[in-house]
Amino acid sequence: MTMQIISQQNKIIIGLFRAYHDISLIGDQLASEHGLTTSKWKVLGAIRLENTALTVPHIARLMGLTRQAVQRTIDELLKLEYIQQLHNPAHKKSSLFQLTEIGEKAFDAINKEWEKMAVSIFKNLNKQDIDITVKSLTDIIATIENMK
């Protein structure tokens, strides 16, 4: 592999780190208006976007997080009454979690603001640019997952 390709790969990784950091800061800013953090918003989003109650391991897989990190966030969201715990008939020890009405309203409000922000972030990219980026990120994630 040439040094030029390695340099470009490093730029991608550094760019991903930077984008993640900046998106997390924006997320914290948007979520703070509802007493939440980006981490809590992400967990609410995993449940909301799947449109069904989920277990901690399922959320962790969707988000690429550890079960322990998701469990801590779930515990905090339960205290805030943004989610509720349900019996899981398929697994005695792995409860299901779904959003409460409060959680749905908070997620929807944050997401509405995020969508406005996303329009600004992506305004200079055309559909083809976005499609290529999505495919590239999907391929990178799949490769990393296969390396684990």
Protein backbone atom coordinates (compact mmCIF):
# COMPACT_ATOMS: atom_id res chain seq x y z
CA MET A 1 0.00 0.00 0.00
CA THR A 2 1.42 3.37 -0.94
CA MET A 3 2.04 6.15 1.56
CA GLN A 4 -0.44 8.34 -0.33
CA ILE A 5 -3.28 5.82 0.24
CA ILE A 6 -2.34 5.41 3.91
CA SER A 7 -2.35 9.18 4.30
CA GLN A 8 -5.84 9.37 2.77
CA GLN A 9 -7.04 6.56 5.06
CA ASN A 10 -5.70 8.45 8.06
CA LYS A 11 -7.56 11.56 6.89
CA ILE A 12 -10.78 9.53 6.79
CA ILE A 13 -10.26 8.19 10.33
CA ILE A 14 -9.30 11.59 11.72
CA GLY A 15 -12.30 13.07 9.91
CA LEU A 16 -14.59 10.46 11.48
CA PHE A 17 -13.21 11.24 14.95
CA ARG A 18 -13.69 14.95 14.37
CA ALA A 19 -17.21 14.53 12.95
CA TYR A 20 -18.21 12.27 15.85
CA HIS A 21 -16.91 14.80 18.36
CA ASP A 22 -18.67 17.72 16.68
CA ILE A 23 -21.94 15.81 16.22
CA SER A 24 -21.82 14.79 19.90
CA LEU A 25 -21.41 18.43 20.92
CA ILE A 26 -24.36 19.44 18.74
CA GLY A 27 -26.36 16.52 20.16
CA ASP A 28 -25.55 17.53 23.73
CA GLN A 29 -26.64 21.08 22.97
CA LEU A 30 -29.96 19.95 21.44
CA ALA A 31 -30.62 17.25 24.06
CA SER A 32 -29.76 19.47 27.05
CA GLU A 33 -32.93 21.47 26.48
CA HIS A 34 -34.78 18.28 27.50
CA GLY A 35 -32.47 17.30 30.36
CA LEU A 36 -30.69 14.72 28.23
CA THR A 37 -27.27 14.03 26.73
CA THR A 38 -26.29 12.71 23.32
CA SER A 39 -25.89 9.23 24.84
CA LYS A 40 -29.43 9.25 26.20
CA TRP A 41 -30.79 10.68 22.94
CA LYS A 42 -29.05 7.88 20.99
CA VAL A 43 -30.60 5.18 23.17
CA LEU A 44 -34.04 6.77 22.89
CA GLY A 45 -33.48 6.92 19.14
CA ALA A 46 -32.54 3.25 18.89
CA ILE A 47 -35.82 2.30 20.53
CA ARG A 48 -37.94 4.90 18.71
CA LEU A 49 -36.56 4.19 15.25
CA GLU A 50 -36.99 0.42 15.62
CA ASN A 51 -40.60 1.18 16.62
CA THR A 52 -40.71 -1.67 19.13
CA ALA A 53 -39.55 -2.46 22.65
CA LEU A 54 -35.90 -3.57 22.73
CA THR A 55 -33.54 -5.35 25.10
CA VAL A 56 -30.26 -3.84 26.30
CA PRO A 57 -28.18 -6.25 24.16
CA HIS A 58 -30.24 -5.38 21.08
CA ILE A 59 -29.74 -1.64 21.65
CA ALA A 60 -26.01 -2.21 22.21
CA ARG A 61 -25.70 -4.09 18.90
CA LEU A 62 -27.64 -1.41 17.00
CA MET A 63 -25.56 1.41 18.41
CA GLY A 64 -22.17 -0.31 18.48
CA LEU A 65 -21.93 0.20 22.24
CA THR A 66 -21.19 -2.11 25.15
CA ARG A 67 -24.12 -3.60 27.05
CA GLN A 68 -22.76 -2.03 30.23
CA ALA A 69 -22.80 1.47 28.71
CA VAL A 70 -26.33 0.96 27.42
CA GLN A 71 -27.47 -0.45 30.79
CA ARG A 72 -26.18 2.65 32.62
CA THR A 73 -28.02 4.88 30.18
CA ILE A 74 -31.18 2.76 30.46
CA ASP A 75 -31.05 3.06 34.26
CA GLU A 76 -30.82 6.86 33.98
CA LEU A 77 -33.65 7.02 31.44
CA LEU A 78 -35.84 4.87 33.70
CA LYS A 79 -35.28 7.30 36.60
CA LEU A 80 -36.23 10.20 34.33
CA GLU A 81 -39.34 8.24 33.21
CA TYR A 82 -38.41 8.57 29.53
CA ILE A 83 -38.65 4.79 29.11
CA GLN A 84 -40.45 1.95 30.81
CA GLN A 85 -39.40 -1.60 31.51
CA LEU A 86 -41.53 -4.46 30.20
CA HIS A 87 -41.52 -8.20 30.83
CA ASN A 88 -39.83 -10.12 28.03
CA PRO A 89 -41.68 -13.40 27.42
CA ALA A 90 -38.76 -14.66 25.31
CA HIS A 91 -36.12 -14.12 28.00
CA LYS A 92 -36.63 -13.92 31.77
CA LYS A 93 -33.47 -11.95 32.55
CA SER A 94 -33.43 -9.58 29.58
CA SER A 95 -36.22 -7.03 29.96
CA LEU A 96 -37.68 -5.03 27.13
CA PHE A 97 -37.66 -1.24 27.15
CA GLN A 98 -39.95 1.16 25.34
CA LEU A 99 -40.38 4.90 25.31
CA THR A 100 -42.97 6.53 27.51
CA GLU A 101 -45.06 9.40 26.21
CA ILE A 102 -42.55 11.77 27.85
CA GLY A 103 -39.69 9.97 26.11
CA GLU A 104 -41.42 10.05 22.74
CA LYS A 105 -42.10 13.78 23.02
CA ALA A 106 -38.52 14.52 24.07
CA PHE A 107 -37.01 12.38 21.30
CA ASP A 108 -39.31 13.84 18.65
CA ALA A 109 -38.53 17.42 19.74
CA ILE A 110 -34.76 16.81 19.72
CA ASN A 111 -34.96 14.98 16.42
CA LYS A 112 -36.95 17.81 14.83
CA GLU A 113 -34.16 20.23 15.78
CA TRP A 114 -31.52 17.75 14.61
CA GLU A 115 -33.22 17.44 11.21
CA LYS A 116 -32.98 21.22 10.77
CA MET A 117 -29.30 21.06 11.71
CA ALA A 118 -28.70 18.12 9.34
CA VAL A 119 -30.09 20.12 6.41
CA SER A 120 -27.44 22.77 7.11
CA ILE A 121 -24.68 20.20 7.56
CA PHE A 122 -25.41 18.37 4.30
CA LYS A 123 -26.52 21.32 2.15
CA ASN A 124 -23.34 21.26 0.04
CA LEU A 125 -23.59 17.55 -0.77
CA ASN A 126 -25.67 16.16 -3.61
CA LYS A 127 -27.49 12.82 -3.51
CA GLN A 128 -24.59 11.01 -5.20
CA ASP A 129 -22.10 12.36 -2.61
CA ILE A 130 -24.37 11.22 0.19
CA ASP A 131 -24.93 7.78 -1.39
CA ILE A 132 -21.17 7.26 -1.79
CA THR A 133 -20.54 8.36 1.80
CA VAL A 134 -23.24 6.03 3.16
CA LYS A 135 -21.85 3.10 1.16
CA SER A 136 -18.28 3.82 2.25
CA LEU A 137 -19.22 4.12 5.92
CA THR A 138 -21.33 0.95 5.71
CA ASP A 139 -18.40 -0.93 4.16
CA ILE A 140 -15.93 0.39 6.76
CA ILE A 141 -18.25 -0.58 9.63
CA ALA A 142 -18.85 -4.06 8.18
CA THR A 143 -15.11 -4.63 7.75
CA ILE A 144 -14.42 -3.55 11.32
CA GLU A 145 -17.26 -5.74 12.63
CA ASN A 146 -15.78 -8.73 10.79
CA MET A 147 -12.38 -8.06 12.39
CA LYS A 148 -13.77 -8.36 15.93
